[in-house]
């Protein structure tokens, strides 16, 4: 991720914090997909909800376990919309020349399905302690031709996540079904999990809708 994206979330904080003292607060946790859609959530909920994305990229569930307390902080969040997955199911190899060392043929899987479930159990339990309304976002689609990710693994990891979230009574925002139906022109390029602005906007609108439902707005 480049520096522009890394510090992008602070723009959201600045743009929403002014005059938002009495608004409900929503924290968005996620990887670069969430960084892409956050500005659109901010726009959709302007004047209704103070929307904040944590600093940087949430990466995989292992990162989440290390950083979650810092991201949540001492703020009393009304809603927390969270996701991990695309990094967890990614294969990487130190000699790969693909961005992020992605390599599904020679690489090593970041997080096994079994470990993913264990990590999500811990993350869900920790998030429930915040007393915020929780929304899990299913991992978005893995397109054909992705260098480090196998088509269909998104469904496997989402199946595990659904089991954990249902066990904890956490509502699910099915961004996978949404992005499965996206036409090729909404993706940055063939074989890329990222989206152009219009794709991110559609996801952001779906996220804003779920947050509104959680807050009965």
N, C-alpha and C. Protein backbone atom coordinates (compact mmCIF):
# COMPACT_ATOMS: atom_id res chain seq x y z
N UNK A 1 0.84 -1.19 0.00
CA UNK A 1 0.00 0.00 0.00
C UNK A 1 0.88 1.24 0.00
N UNK A 2 0.53 2.24 -0.79
CA UNK A 2 1.35 3.43 -0.83
C UNK A 2 1.00 4.38 0.32
N UNK A 3 1.84 5.39 0.49
CA UNK A 3 1.66 6.30 1.62
C UNK A 3 0.34 7.05 1.55
N UNK A 4 -0.09 7.33 0.33
CA UNK A 4 -1.34 8.06 0.17
C UNK A 4 -2.50 7.29 0.77
N UNK A 5 -2.52 5.97 0.51
CA UNK A 5 -3.60 5.15 1.06
C UNK A 5 -3.43 4.95 2.55
N UNK A 6 -2.18 4.82 2.99
CA UNK A 6 -1.94 4.55 4.40
C UNK A 6 -2.52 5.63 5.29
N UNK A 7 -2.36 6.88 4.88
CA UNK A 7 -2.82 7.98 5.71
C UNK A 7 -4.19 8.50 5.29
N UNK A 8 -4.77 7.89 4.28
CA UNK A 8 -6.09 8.25 3.78
C UNK A 8 -7.13 8.31 4.88
N UNK A 9 -7.17 7.28 5.81
CA UNK A 9 -8.21 7.27 6.84
C UNK A 9 -8.25 8.51 7.70
N UNK A 10 -7.12 9.18 7.92
CA UNK A 10 -7.13 10.35 8.77
C UNK A 10 -7.95 11.47 8.15
N UNK A 11 -8.06 11.47 6.83
CA UNK A 11 -8.90 12.45 6.17
C UNK A 11 -10.35 12.23 6.54
N UNK A 12 -10.71 10.97 6.72
CA UNK A 12 -12.09 10.65 7.10
C UNK A 12 -12.38 11.17 8.49
N UNK A 13 -11.41 10.99 9.38
CA UNK A 13 -11.60 11.44 10.75
C UNK A 13 -11.78 12.96 10.78
N UNK A 14 -10.90 13.66 10.06
CA UNK A 14 -10.97 15.11 10.07
C UNK A 14 -12.26 15.62 9.45
N UNK A 15 -12.71 14.94 8.40
CA UNK A 15 -13.89 15.42 7.68
C UNK A 15 -15.18 15.14 8.43
N UNK A 16 -15.14 14.17 9.35
CA UNK A 16 -16.37 13.80 10.04
C UNK A 16 -16.39 14.26 11.49
N UNK A 17 -15.22 14.55 12.04
CA UNK A 17 -15.16 14.84 13.48
C UNK A 17 -15.76 16.19 13.82
N UNK A 18 -15.61 17.18 12.95
CA UNK A 18 -16.10 18.51 13.25
C UNK A 18 -17.62 18.52 13.37
N UNK A 19 -18.11 18.98 14.50
CA UNK A 19 -19.56 19.08 14.68
C UNK A 19 -20.25 17.75 14.83
N UNK A 20 -19.48 16.68 15.14
CA UNK A 20 -20.08 15.35 15.19
C UNK A 20 -20.10 14.79 16.61
N UNK A 21 -20.00 15.65 17.61
CA UNK A 21 -19.90 15.18 18.98
C UNK A 21 -21.09 14.34 19.42
N UNK A 22 -22.26 14.68 18.94
CA UNK A 22 -23.46 13.97 19.38
C UNK A 22 -23.89 12.85 18.44
N UNK A 23 -23.13 12.63 17.38
CA UNK A 23 -23.48 11.58 16.42
C UNK A 23 -23.00 10.22 16.92
N UNK A 24 -23.72 9.15 16.58
CA UNK A 24 -23.21 7.82 16.90
C UNK A 24 -21.90 7.58 16.15
N UNK A 25 -21.04 6.78 16.75
CA UNK A 25 -19.71 6.55 16.19
C UNK A 25 -19.59 5.14 15.62
N UNK A 26 -19.07 5.06 14.41
CA UNK A 26 -18.87 3.76 13.75
C UNK A 26 -17.40 3.58 13.42
N UNK A 27 -16.84 2.44 13.81
CA UNK A 27 -15.46 2.10 13.49
C UNK A 27 -15.45 1.06 12.39
N UNK A 28 -14.67 1.32 11.33
CA UNK A 28 -14.50 0.36 10.25
C UNK A 28 -13.12 -0.28 10.38
N UNK A 29 -13.10 -1.60 10.42
CA UNK A 29 -11.85 -2.36 10.50
C UNK A 29 -11.74 -3.22 9.26
N UNK A 30 -10.59 -3.17 8.58
CA UNK A 30 -10.42 -3.99 7.40
C UNK A 30 -9.15 -3.68 6.63
N UNK A 31 -9.00 -4.37 5.51
CA UNK A 31 -7.81 -4.22 4.68
C UNK A 31 -7.99 -3.11 3.65
N UNK A 32 -7.25 -3.18 2.55
CA UNK A 32 -7.30 -2.11 1.55
C UNK A 32 -8.66 -1.99 0.87
N UNK A 33 -9.44 -3.07 0.85
CA UNK A 33 -10.79 -2.98 0.29
C UNK A 33 -11.61 -2.01 1.13
N UNK A 34 -11.49 -2.10 2.44
CA UNK A 34 -12.23 -1.20 3.33
C UNK A 34 -11.71 0.23 3.23
N UNK A 35 -10.42 0.38 3.02
CA UNK A 35 -9.86 1.72 2.84
C UNK A 35 -10.46 2.36 1.59
N UNK A 36 -10.70 1.54 0.57
CA UNK A 36 -11.29 2.05 -0.66
C UNK A 36 -12.74 2.47 -0.51
N UNK A 37 -13.50 1.73 0.30
CA UNK A 37 -14.93 2.08 0.40
C UNK A 37 -15.27 3.04 1.53
N UNK A 38 -14.34 3.25 2.46
CA UNK A 38 -14.63 4.11 3.59
C UNK A 38 -15.09 5.53 3.20
N UNK A 39 -14.44 6.20 2.23
CA UNK A 39 -14.90 7.55 1.88
C UNK A 39 -16.36 7.58 1.45
N UNK A 40 -16.80 6.51 0.81
CA UNK A 40 -18.18 6.44 0.34
C UNK A 40 -19.15 6.19 1.49
N UNK A 41 -18.69 5.48 2.52
CA UNK A 41 -19.51 5.31 3.72
C UNK A 41 -19.66 6.65 4.43
N UNK A 42 -18.55 7.40 4.50
CA UNK A 42 -18.57 8.72 5.12
C UNK A 42 -19.59 9.62 4.43
N UNK A 43 -19.57 9.63 3.11
CA UNK A 43 -20.50 10.47 2.34
C UNK A 43 -21.94 10.03 2.56
N UNK A 44 -22.17 8.73 2.52
CA UNK A 44 -23.53 8.21 2.65
C UNK A 44 -24.14 8.49 4.03
N UNK A 45 -23.29 8.56 5.05
CA UNK A 45 -23.78 8.73 6.43
C UNK A 45 -23.49 10.11 6.99
N UNK A 46 -23.10 11.04 6.14
CA UNK A 46 -22.78 12.39 6.58
C UNK A 46 -23.94 13.01 7.35
N UNK A 47 -23.63 13.55 8.52
CA UNK A 47 -24.65 14.18 9.34
C UNK A 47 -25.45 13.20 10.17
N UNK A 48 -25.20 11.89 9.99
CA UNK A 48 -25.94 10.86 10.72
C UNK A 48 -25.03 10.03 11.63
N UNK A 49 -23.85 9.72 11.12
CA UNK A 49 -22.91 8.87 11.85
C UNK A 49 -21.49 9.39 11.66
N UNK A 50 -20.71 9.40 12.72
CA UNK A 50 -19.29 9.72 12.62
C UNK A 50 -18.55 8.43 12.25
N UNK A 51 -18.00 8.38 11.07
CA UNK A 51 -17.37 7.16 10.54
C UNK A 51 -15.85 7.31 10.60
N UNK A 52 -15.19 6.34 11.22
CA UNK A 52 -13.73 6.37 11.36
C UNK A 52 -13.14 5.01 10.99
N UNK A 53 -12.11 5.04 10.17
CA UNK A 53 -11.34 3.84 9.85
C UNK A 53 -10.07 3.87 10.68
N UNK A 54 -9.68 2.75 11.22
CA UNK A 54 -8.43 2.72 11.99
C UNK A 54 -7.25 3.05 11.08
N UNK A 55 -6.12 3.33 11.68
CA UNK A 55 -4.94 3.67 10.91
C UNK A 55 -4.42 2.47 10.13
N UNK A 56 -4.19 2.66 8.83
CA UNK A 56 -3.54 1.65 8.02
C UNK A 56 -4.41 0.47 7.62
N UNK A 57 -3.76 -0.66 7.39
CA UNK A 57 -4.36 -1.86 6.82
C UNK A 57 -4.45 -2.95 7.88
N UNK A 58 -5.62 -3.54 8.04
CA UNK A 58 -5.82 -4.58 9.06
C UNK A 58 -5.14 -5.90 8.70
N UNK A 59 -4.75 -6.05 7.43
CA UNK A 59 -4.03 -7.25 6.97
C UNK A 59 -4.79 -8.53 7.29
N UNK A 60 -4.18 -9.44 8.05
CA UNK A 60 -4.79 -10.73 8.35
C UNK A 60 -5.22 -10.81 9.81
N UNK A 61 -5.86 -11.91 10.17
CA UNK A 61 -6.38 -12.04 11.54
C UNK A 61 -5.28 -12.04 12.59
N UNK A 62 -4.09 -12.49 12.21
CA UNK A 62 -2.96 -12.44 13.15
C UNK A 62 -2.62 -11.01 13.51
N UNK A 63 -2.66 -10.12 12.52
CA UNK A 63 -2.44 -8.70 12.77
C UNK A 63 -3.56 -8.15 13.65
N UNK A 64 -4.77 -8.59 13.36
CA UNK A 64 -5.92 -8.14 14.15
C UNK A 64 -5.77 -8.47 15.63
N UNK A 65 -5.27 -9.66 15.93
CA UNK A 65 -5.10 -10.06 17.32
C UNK A 65 -4.07 -9.17 18.02
N UNK A 66 -3.06 -8.75 17.28
CA UNK A 66 -2.02 -7.90 17.86
C UNK A 66 -2.47 -6.44 18.02
N UNK A 67 -3.29 -5.97 17.10
CA UNK A 67 -3.58 -4.54 17.01
C UNK A 67 -4.97 -4.13 17.48
N UNK A 68 -5.86 -5.08 17.71
CA UNK A 68 -7.26 -4.75 17.94
C UNK A 68 -7.47 -3.80 19.13
N UNK A 69 -6.79 -4.06 20.22
CA UNK A 69 -6.95 -3.18 21.39
C UNK A 69 -6.58 -1.74 21.07
N UNK A 70 -5.53 -1.57 20.28
CA UNK A 70 -5.10 -0.23 19.90
C UNK A 70 -6.13 0.42 18.99
N UNK A 71 -6.67 -0.34 18.04
CA UNK A 71 -7.65 0.22 17.11
C UNK A 71 -8.94 0.62 17.82
N UNK A 72 -9.39 -0.22 18.72
CA UNK A 72 -10.62 0.08 19.45
C UNK A 72 -10.40 1.24 20.41
N UNK A 73 -9.24 1.24 21.07
CA UNK A 73 -8.92 2.32 21.99
C UNK A 73 -9.91 2.42 23.14
N UNK A 74 -10.15 3.65 23.59
CA UNK A 74 -11.07 3.90 24.70
C UNK A 74 -12.38 4.53 24.24
N UNK A 75 -12.54 4.65 22.94
CA UNK A 75 -13.77 5.23 22.39
C UNK A 75 -14.95 4.30 22.62
N UNK A 76 -16.10 4.86 22.96
CA UNK A 76 -17.32 4.07 23.09
C UNK A 76 -17.98 4.02 21.72
N UNK A 77 -17.68 2.96 20.97
CA UNK A 77 -18.22 2.82 19.62
C UNK A 77 -19.66 2.35 19.67
N UNK A 78 -20.49 2.90 18.80
CA UNK A 78 -21.88 2.44 18.69
C UNK A 78 -21.98 1.25 17.73
N UNK A 79 -21.15 1.29 16.69
CA UNK A 79 -21.12 0.21 15.70
C UNK A 79 -19.67 -0.07 15.32
N UNK A 80 -19.34 -1.35 15.17
CA UNK A 80 -18.04 -1.74 14.62
C UNK A 80 -18.30 -2.69 13.46
N UNK A 81 -17.90 -2.27 12.28
CA UNK A 81 -18.03 -3.07 11.05
C UNK A 81 -16.63 -3.59 10.74
N UNK A 82 -16.45 -4.92 10.73
CA UNK A 82 -15.10 -5.46 10.66
C UNK A 82 -14.96 -6.61 9.66
N UNK A 83 -13.72 -6.80 9.20
CA UNK A 83 -13.44 -7.87 8.24
C UNK A 83 -11.96 -8.22 8.20
N UNK A 84 -11.70 -9.50 8.03
CA UNK A 84 -10.38 -10.03 7.63
C UNK A 84 -10.65 -11.16 6.66
N UNK A 85 -9.65 -11.55 5.89
CA UNK A 85 -9.86 -12.68 4.99
C UNK A 85 -8.94 -12.71 3.78
N UNK A 86 -8.92 -11.65 3.00
CA UNK A 86 -8.14 -11.67 1.76
C UNK A 86 -6.65 -11.86 2.01
N UNK A 87 -6.17 -11.32 3.11
CA UNK A 87 -4.76 -11.56 3.45
C UNK A 87 -4.60 -12.97 4.03
N UNK A 88 -5.55 -13.44 4.80
CA UNK A 88 -5.45 -14.76 5.43
C UNK A 88 -5.37 -15.87 4.38
N UNK A 89 -6.15 -15.75 3.33
CA UNK A 89 -6.21 -16.82 2.32
C UNK A 89 -5.18 -16.65 1.21
N UNK A 90 -4.27 -15.70 1.38
CA UNK A 90 -3.27 -15.41 0.35
C UNK A 90 -2.02 -16.27 0.53
N UNK A 91 -1.47 -16.75 -0.59
CA UNK A 91 -0.22 -17.50 -0.61
C UNK A 91 0.89 -16.54 -1.03
N UNK A 92 2.01 -16.60 -0.29
CA UNK A 92 3.14 -15.71 -0.60
C UNK A 92 4.44 -16.51 -0.63
N UNK A 93 5.35 -16.06 -1.49
CA UNK A 93 6.66 -16.71 -1.63
C UNK A 93 7.73 -15.62 -1.67
N UNK A 94 8.81 -15.77 -0.91
CA UNK A 94 9.83 -14.71 -0.84
C UNK A 94 10.48 -14.35 -2.18
N UNK A 95 10.45 -15.26 -3.14
CA UNK A 95 11.08 -15.00 -4.42
C UNK A 95 10.10 -14.53 -5.49
N UNK A 96 8.84 -14.39 -5.12
CA UNK A 96 7.84 -13.93 -6.08
C UNK A 96 8.07 -12.47 -6.44
N UNK A 97 7.88 -12.16 -7.71
CA UNK A 97 8.03 -10.78 -8.17
C UNK A 97 6.69 -10.05 -8.23
N UNK A 98 5.63 -10.76 -7.89
CA UNK A 98 4.30 -10.15 -7.86
C UNK A 98 4.20 -9.24 -6.63
N UNK A 99 3.40 -8.18 -6.74
CA UNK A 99 3.23 -7.27 -5.61
C UNK A 99 2.80 -8.04 -4.37
N UNK A 100 3.45 -7.76 -3.24
CA UNK A 100 3.13 -8.45 -2.00
C UNK A 100 3.69 -9.86 -1.94
N UNK A 101 4.57 -10.20 -2.88
CA UNK A 101 5.17 -11.55 -2.96
C UNK A 101 4.11 -12.64 -3.10
N UNK A 102 3.02 -12.29 -3.75
CA UNK A 102 1.93 -13.26 -3.91
C UNK A 102 2.33 -14.37 -4.89
N UNK A 103 2.03 -15.62 -4.53
CA UNK A 103 2.36 -16.75 -5.40
C UNK A 103 1.60 -17.98 -4.93
N UNK A 104 0.50 -18.28 -5.58
CA UNK A 104 -0.34 -19.40 -5.13
C UNK A 104 0.19 -20.76 -5.58
N UNK A 105 1.22 -20.77 -6.44
CA UNK A 105 1.81 -22.04 -6.89
C UNK A 105 2.95 -22.49 -5.99
N UNK A 106 3.81 -21.56 -5.62
CA UNK A 106 4.98 -21.92 -4.80
C UNK A 106 4.87 -21.44 -3.36
N UNK A 107 3.93 -20.55 -3.12
CA UNK A 107 3.87 -19.87 -1.84
C UNK A 107 3.27 -20.64 -0.68
N UNK A 108 3.34 -20.01 0.47
CA UNK A 108 2.80 -20.56 1.72
C UNK A 108 1.55 -19.80 2.10
N UNK A 109 0.52 -20.52 2.51
CA UNK A 109 -0.74 -19.91 2.92
C UNK A 109 -0.54 -19.12 4.21
N UNK A 110 -1.08 -17.91 4.25
CA UNK A 110 -0.90 -17.05 5.42
C UNK A 110 -1.57 -17.62 6.66
N UNK A 111 -2.84 -18.01 6.53
CA UNK A 111 -3.60 -18.52 7.67
C UNK A 111 -4.45 -19.70 7.23
N UNK A 112 -4.28 -20.85 7.85
CA UNK A 112 -5.09 -22.01 7.50
C UNK A 112 -6.55 -21.77 7.91
N UNK A 113 -7.45 -22.53 7.33
CA UNK A 113 -8.86 -22.41 7.71
C UNK A 113 -9.07 -22.66 9.20
N UNK A 114 -8.37 -23.67 9.71
CA UNK A 114 -8.49 -23.99 11.13
C UNK A 114 -8.02 -22.84 12.00
N UNK A 115 -6.87 -22.25 11.66
CA UNK A 115 -6.35 -21.14 12.45
C UNK A 115 -7.21 -19.90 12.28
N UNK A 116 -7.74 -19.72 11.07
CA UNK A 116 -8.62 -18.58 10.79
C UNK A 116 -9.83 -18.61 11.73
N UNK A 117 -10.40 -19.79 11.90
CA UNK A 117 -11.56 -19.93 12.78
C UNK A 117 -11.18 -19.62 14.23
N UNK A 118 -10.04 -20.11 14.66
CA UNK A 118 -9.59 -19.85 16.03
C UNK A 118 -9.34 -18.35 16.25
N UNK A 119 -8.71 -17.73 15.26
CA UNK A 119 -8.43 -16.29 15.38
C UNK A 119 -9.71 -15.48 15.41
N UNK A 120 -10.67 -15.83 14.56
CA UNK A 120 -11.94 -15.10 14.54
C UNK A 120 -12.70 -15.28 15.84
N UNK A 121 -12.59 -16.43 16.43
CA UNK A 121 -13.23 -16.67 17.73
C UNK A 121 -12.71 -15.67 18.76
N UNK A 122 -11.40 -15.50 18.80
CA UNK A 122 -10.81 -14.56 19.75
C UNK A 122 -11.17 -13.12 19.43
N UNK A 123 -11.15 -12.78 18.15
CA UNK A 123 -11.47 -11.41 17.74
C UNK A 123 -12.92 -11.06 18.03
N UNK A 124 -13.82 -12.00 17.73
CA UNK A 124 -15.25 -11.77 17.98
C UNK A 124 -15.51 -11.61 19.47
N UNK A 125 -14.87 -12.44 20.28
CA UNK A 125 -15.04 -12.36 21.73
C UNK A 125 -14.55 -11.03 22.26
N UNK A 126 -13.42 -10.57 21.75
CA UNK A 126 -12.87 -9.28 22.20
C UNK A 126 -13.79 -8.13 21.78
N UNK A 127 -14.29 -8.17 20.56
CA UNK A 127 -15.14 -7.10 20.06
C UNK A 127 -16.48 -7.04 20.80
N UNK A 128 -16.97 -8.16 21.23
CA UNK A 128 -18.23 -8.18 21.97
C UNK A 128 -18.11 -7.43 23.30
N UNK A 129 -16.91 -7.37 23.84
CA UNK A 129 -16.69 -6.67 25.09
C UNK A 129 -16.86 -5.16 24.95
N UNK A 130 -16.82 -4.66 23.72
CA UNK A 130 -16.99 -3.22 23.50
C UNK A 130 -18.43 -2.79 23.70
N UNK A 131 -19.36 -3.73 23.65
CA UNK A 131 -20.80 -3.47 23.76
C UNK A 131 -21.35 -2.73 22.53
N UNK A 132 -20.52 -2.58 21.49
CA UNK A 132 -20.99 -1.96 20.25
C UNK A 132 -21.82 -2.96 19.47
N UNK A 133 -22.65 -2.45 18.57
CA UNK A 133 -23.35 -3.32 17.63
C UNK A 133 -22.32 -3.77 16.61
N UNK A 134 -22.18 -5.07 16.43
CA UNK A 134 -21.14 -5.62 15.57
C UNK A 134 -21.69 -6.10 14.23
N UNK A 135 -20.93 -5.81 13.18
CA UNK A 135 -21.28 -6.26 11.83
C UNK A 135 -20.04 -6.86 11.20
N UNK A 136 -20.10 -8.13 10.87
CA UNK A 136 -19.02 -8.79 10.16
C UNK A 136 -19.26 -8.65 8.65
N UNK A 137 -18.21 -8.32 7.91
CA UNK A 137 -18.31 -8.23 6.45
C UNK A 137 -17.64 -9.46 5.83
N UNK A 138 -18.40 -10.24 5.11
CA UNK A 138 -17.82 -11.37 4.40
C UNK A 138 -16.75 -10.88 3.43
N UNK A 139 -15.69 -11.66 3.30
CA UNK A 139 -14.59 -11.35 2.38
C UNK A 139 -15.11 -11.21 0.96
N UNK A 140 -14.65 -10.19 0.27
CA UNK A 140 -15.09 -9.95 -1.11
C UNK A 140 -14.51 -11.01 -2.04
N UNK A 141 -14.99 -11.04 -3.26
CA UNK A 141 -14.71 -12.12 -4.20
C UNK A 141 -13.24 -12.17 -4.63
N UNK A 142 -12.77 -13.37 -4.90
CA UNK A 142 -11.45 -13.59 -5.49
C UNK A 142 -11.65 -13.86 -6.98
N UNK A 143 -11.19 -12.96 -7.85
CA UNK A 143 -11.40 -13.13 -9.29
C UNK A 143 -10.43 -14.13 -9.92
N UNK A 144 -10.77 -14.60 -11.10
CA UNK A 144 -9.88 -15.46 -11.87
C UNK A 144 -8.58 -14.73 -12.17
N UNK A 145 -7.47 -15.46 -12.10
CA UNK A 145 -6.19 -14.88 -12.47
C UNK A 145 -5.46 -14.16 -11.36
N UNK A 146 -5.97 -14.22 -10.12
CA UNK A 146 -5.30 -13.56 -9.00
C UNK A 146 -4.01 -14.34 -8.68
N UNK A 147 -2.89 -13.64 -8.56
CA UNK A 147 -1.59 -14.28 -8.42
C UNK A 147 -1.43 -15.10 -7.14
N UNK A 148 -1.98 -14.61 -6.05
CA UNK A 148 -1.73 -15.29 -4.77
C UNK A 148 -2.94 -15.90 -4.11
N UNK A 149 -4.07 -15.83 -4.77
CA UNK A 149 -5.30 -16.31 -4.16
C UNK A 149 -6.05 -17.25 -5.11
N UNK A 150 -6.62 -18.31 -4.55
CA UNK A 150 -7.32 -19.31 -5.35
C UNK A 150 -8.81 -19.02 -5.39
N UNK A 151 -9.37 -19.06 -6.59
CA UNK A 151 -10.81 -18.85 -6.75
C UNK A 151 -11.57 -19.90 -5.94
N UNK A 152 -12.52 -19.47 -5.17
CA UNK A 152 -13.31 -20.37 -4.34
C UNK A 152 -12.88 -20.39 -2.88
N UNK A 153 -11.63 -19.98 -2.63
CA UNK A 153 -11.19 -19.95 -1.23
C UNK A 153 -11.95 -18.89 -0.43
N UNK A 154 -12.38 -17.83 -1.11
CA UNK A 154 -13.19 -16.82 -0.42
C UNK A 154 -14.45 -17.44 0.16
N UNK A 155 -15.06 -18.36 -0.58
CA UNK A 155 -16.27 -19.03 -0.09
C UNK A 155 -15.97 -19.92 1.12
N UNK A 156 -14.83 -20.61 1.07
CA UNK A 156 -14.44 -21.49 2.18
C UNK A 156 -14.20 -20.69 3.46
N UNK A 157 -13.49 -19.58 3.32
CA UNK A 157 -13.20 -18.76 4.49
C UNK A 157 -14.44 -18.06 5.01
N UNK A 158 -15.32 -17.68 4.11
CA UNK A 158 -16.58 -17.05 4.54
C UNK A 158 -17.49 -18.05 5.24
N UNK A 159 -17.42 -19.30 4.83
CA UNK A 159 -18.23 -20.33 5.50
C UNK A 159 -17.78 -20.50 6.95
N UNK A 160 -16.47 -20.48 7.15
CA UNK A 160 -15.92 -20.56 8.52
C UNK A 160 -16.33 -19.33 9.32
N UNK A 161 -16.20 -18.15 8.69
CA UNK A 161 -16.54 -16.90 9.38
C UNK A 161 -18.01 -16.87 9.76
N UNK A 162 -18.87 -17.35 8.86
CA UNK A 162 -20.30 -17.36 9.14
C UNK A 162 -20.61 -18.21 10.36
N UNK A 163 -19.91 -19.33 10.49
CA UNK A 163 -20.13 -20.21 11.63
C UNK A 163 -19.76 -19.50 12.93
N UNK A 164 -18.65 -18.78 12.92
CA UNK A 164 -18.21 -18.06 14.12
C UNK A 164 -19.18 -16.93 14.46
N UNK A 165 -19.57 -16.16 13.45
CA UNK A 165 -20.43 -15.00 13.70
C UNK A 165 -21.82 -15.42 14.17
N UNK A 166 -22.34 -16.47 13.60
CA UNK A 166 -23.65 -16.95 14.03
C UNK A 166 -23.60 -17.45 15.47
N UNK A 167 -22.50 -18.07 15.82
CA UNK A 167 -22.31 -18.55 17.19
C UNK A 167 -22.34 -17.38 18.18
N UNK A 168 -21.78 -16.26 17.78
CA UNK A 168 -21.70 -15.09 18.65
C UNK A 168 -22.85 -14.10 18.44
N UNK A 169 -23.78 -14.43 17.57
CA UNK A 169 -24.92 -13.55 17.35
C UNK A 169 -24.56 -12.26 16.64
N UNK A 170 -23.54 -12.30 15.78
CA UNK A 170 -23.08 -11.11 15.08
C UNK A 170 -23.67 -11.09 13.67
N UNK A 171 -24.28 -9.97 13.31
CA UNK A 171 -24.90 -9.86 11.99
C UNK A 171 -23.84 -9.86 10.90
N UNK A 172 -24.22 -10.35 9.71
CA UNK A 172 -23.28 -10.50 8.60
C UNK A 172 -23.68 -9.62 7.43
N UNK A 173 -22.74 -8.86 6.93
CA UNK A 173 -22.91 -8.07 5.71
C UNK A 173 -22.25 -8.87 4.58
N UNK A 174 -23.04 -9.45 3.71
CA UNK A 174 -22.51 -10.37 2.68
C UNK A 174 -21.95 -9.61 1.49
N UNK A 175 -20.77 -9.05 1.67
CA UNK A 175 -20.11 -8.33 0.57
C UNK A 175 -19.58 -9.29 -0.49
N UNK A 176 -19.50 -10.58 -0.16
CA UNK A 176 -19.05 -11.55 -1.14
C UNK A 176 -20.09 -11.73 -2.25
N UNK A 177 -21.34 -11.90 -1.85
CA UNK A 177 -22.41 -12.04 -2.85
C UNK A 177 -22.51 -10.79 -3.71
N UNK A 178 -22.34 -9.63 -3.06
CA UNK A 178 -22.40 -8.37 -3.79
C UNK A 178 -21.32 -8.30 -4.85
N UNK A 179 -20.07 -8.58 -4.45
CA UNK A 179 -18.95 -8.43 -5.39
C UNK A 179 -18.86 -9.59 -6.38
N UNK A 180 -19.44 -10.72 -6.05
CA UNK A 180 -19.50 -11.83 -7.02
C UNK A 180 -20.22 -11.40 -8.29
N UNK A 181 -21.16 -10.49 -8.14
CA UNK A 181 -21.97 -10.04 -9.28
C UNK A 181 -21.39 -8.81 -9.98
N UNK A 182 -20.23 -8.33 -9.53
CA UNK A 182 -19.63 -7.16 -10.16
C UNK A 182 -19.12 -7.49 -11.56
N UNK A 183 -19.39 -6.65 -12.54
CA UNK A 183 -18.83 -6.85 -13.88
C UNK A 183 -17.34 -6.53 -13.87
N UNK A 184 -16.58 -7.02 -14.84
CA UNK A 184 -15.13 -6.82 -14.89
C UNK A 184 -14.70 -5.36 -14.83
N UNK A 185 -15.52 -4.47 -15.39
CA UNK A 185 -15.11 -3.06 -15.45
C UNK A 185 -15.08 -2.37 -14.09
N UNK A 186 -15.61 -3.01 -13.04
CA UNK A 186 -15.57 -2.42 -11.70
C UNK A 186 -14.27 -2.75 -10.96
N UNK A 187 -13.51 -3.71 -11.48
CA UNK A 187 -12.24 -4.08 -10.88
C UNK A 187 -11.12 -3.21 -11.47
N UNK A 188 -10.07 -3.00 -10.68
CA UNK A 188 -8.94 -2.19 -11.14
C UNK A 188 -8.35 -2.76 -12.42
N UNK A 189 -8.22 -4.09 -12.46
CA UNK A 189 -7.72 -4.77 -13.65
C UNK A 189 -8.04 -6.26 -13.51
N UNK A 190 -7.95 -7.04 -14.58
CA UNK A 190 -8.21 -8.48 -14.49
C UNK A 190 -7.29 -9.15 -13.47
N UNK A 191 -7.87 -10.02 -12.65
CA UNK A 191 -7.08 -10.74 -11.67
C UNK A 191 -6.71 -9.94 -10.44
N UNK A 192 -7.32 -8.78 -10.26
CA UNK A 192 -7.02 -7.92 -9.11
C UNK A 192 -8.24 -7.88 -8.19
N UNK A 193 -8.01 -8.04 -6.88
CA UNK A 193 -9.12 -8.05 -5.92
C UNK A 193 -9.62 -6.64 -5.61
N UNK A 194 -8.92 -5.62 -6.08
CA UNK A 194 -9.28 -4.24 -5.78
C UNK A 194 -10.25 -3.66 -6.80
N UNK A 195 -10.90 -2.56 -6.42
CA UNK A 195 -11.97 -2.00 -7.24
C UNK A 195 -11.69 -0.56 -7.65
N UNK A 196 -12.24 -0.20 -8.78
CA UNK A 196 -12.24 1.19 -9.19
C UNK A 196 -13.21 1.95 -8.28
N UNK A 197 -13.21 3.26 -8.38
CA UNK A 197 -14.03 4.09 -7.50
C UNK A 197 -15.50 3.68 -7.51
N UNK A 198 -16.03 3.36 -8.68
CA UNK A 198 -17.45 3.00 -8.77
C UNK A 198 -17.73 1.70 -8.03
N UNK A 199 -16.79 0.76 -8.10
CA UNK A 199 -16.96 -0.49 -7.36
C UNK A 199 -16.91 -0.25 -5.87
N UNK A 200 -15.94 0.55 -5.43
CA UNK A 200 -15.83 0.88 -4.01
C UNK A 200 -17.07 1.63 -3.52
N UNK A 201 -17.63 2.44 -4.39
CA UNK A 201 -18.83 3.20 -4.02
C UNK A 201 -20.00 2.25 -3.75
N UNK A 202 -20.16 1.26 -4.60
CA UNK A 202 -21.25 0.29 -4.42
C UNK A 202 -21.09 -0.48 -3.11
N UNK A 203 -19.84 -0.85 -2.80
CA UNK A 203 -19.59 -1.54 -1.54
C UNK A 203 -19.85 -0.60 -0.37
N UNK A 204 -19.36 0.62 -0.47
CA UNK A 204 -19.56 1.60 0.59
C UNK A 204 -21.03 1.85 0.88
N UNK A 205 -21.84 1.90 -0.16
CA UNK A 205 -23.27 2.10 0.03
C UNK A 205 -23.90 0.93 0.76
N UNK A 206 -23.41 -0.28 0.46
CA UNK A 206 -23.92 -1.47 1.16
C UNK A 206 -23.52 -1.46 2.62
N UNK A 207 -22.31 -1.01 2.90
CA UNK A 207 -21.83 -0.92 4.28
C UNK A 207 -22.63 0.14 5.04
N UNK A 208 -22.84 1.28 4.42
CA UNK A 208 -23.62 2.36 5.05
C UNK A 208 -25.04 1.89 5.37
N UNK A 209 -25.60 1.10 4.48
CA UNK A 209 -26.96 0.60 4.68
C UNK A 209 -27.03 -0.31 5.90
N UNK A 210 -26.02 -1.17 6.07
CA UNK A 210 -26.00 -2.08 7.21
C UNK A 210 -25.79 -1.33 8.52
N UNK A 211 -24.94 -0.31 8.48
CA UNK A 211 -24.71 0.49 9.68
C UNK A 211 -26.00 1.22 10.07
N UNK A 212 -26.69 1.75 9.07
CA UNK A 212 -27.97 2.44 9.32
C UNK A 212 -28.99 1.49 9.94
N UNK A 213 -29.03 0.27 9.45
CA UNK A 213 -29.96 -0.72 9.99
C UNK A 213 -29.61 -1.04 11.44
N UNK A 214 -28.34 -1.19 11.71
CA UNK A 214 -27.89 -1.51 13.07
C UNK A 214 -28.27 -0.40 14.05
N UNK A 215 -28.27 0.83 13.57
CA UNK A 215 -28.58 1.98 14.42
C UNK A 215 -30.03 2.41 14.32
N UNK A 216 -30.80 1.68 13.51
CA UNK A 216 -32.22 2.00 13.30
C UNK A 216 -32.40 3.44 12.79
N UNK A 217 -31.57 3.82 11.85
CA UNK A 217 -31.66 5.17 11.30
C UNK A 217 -32.65 5.24 10.15
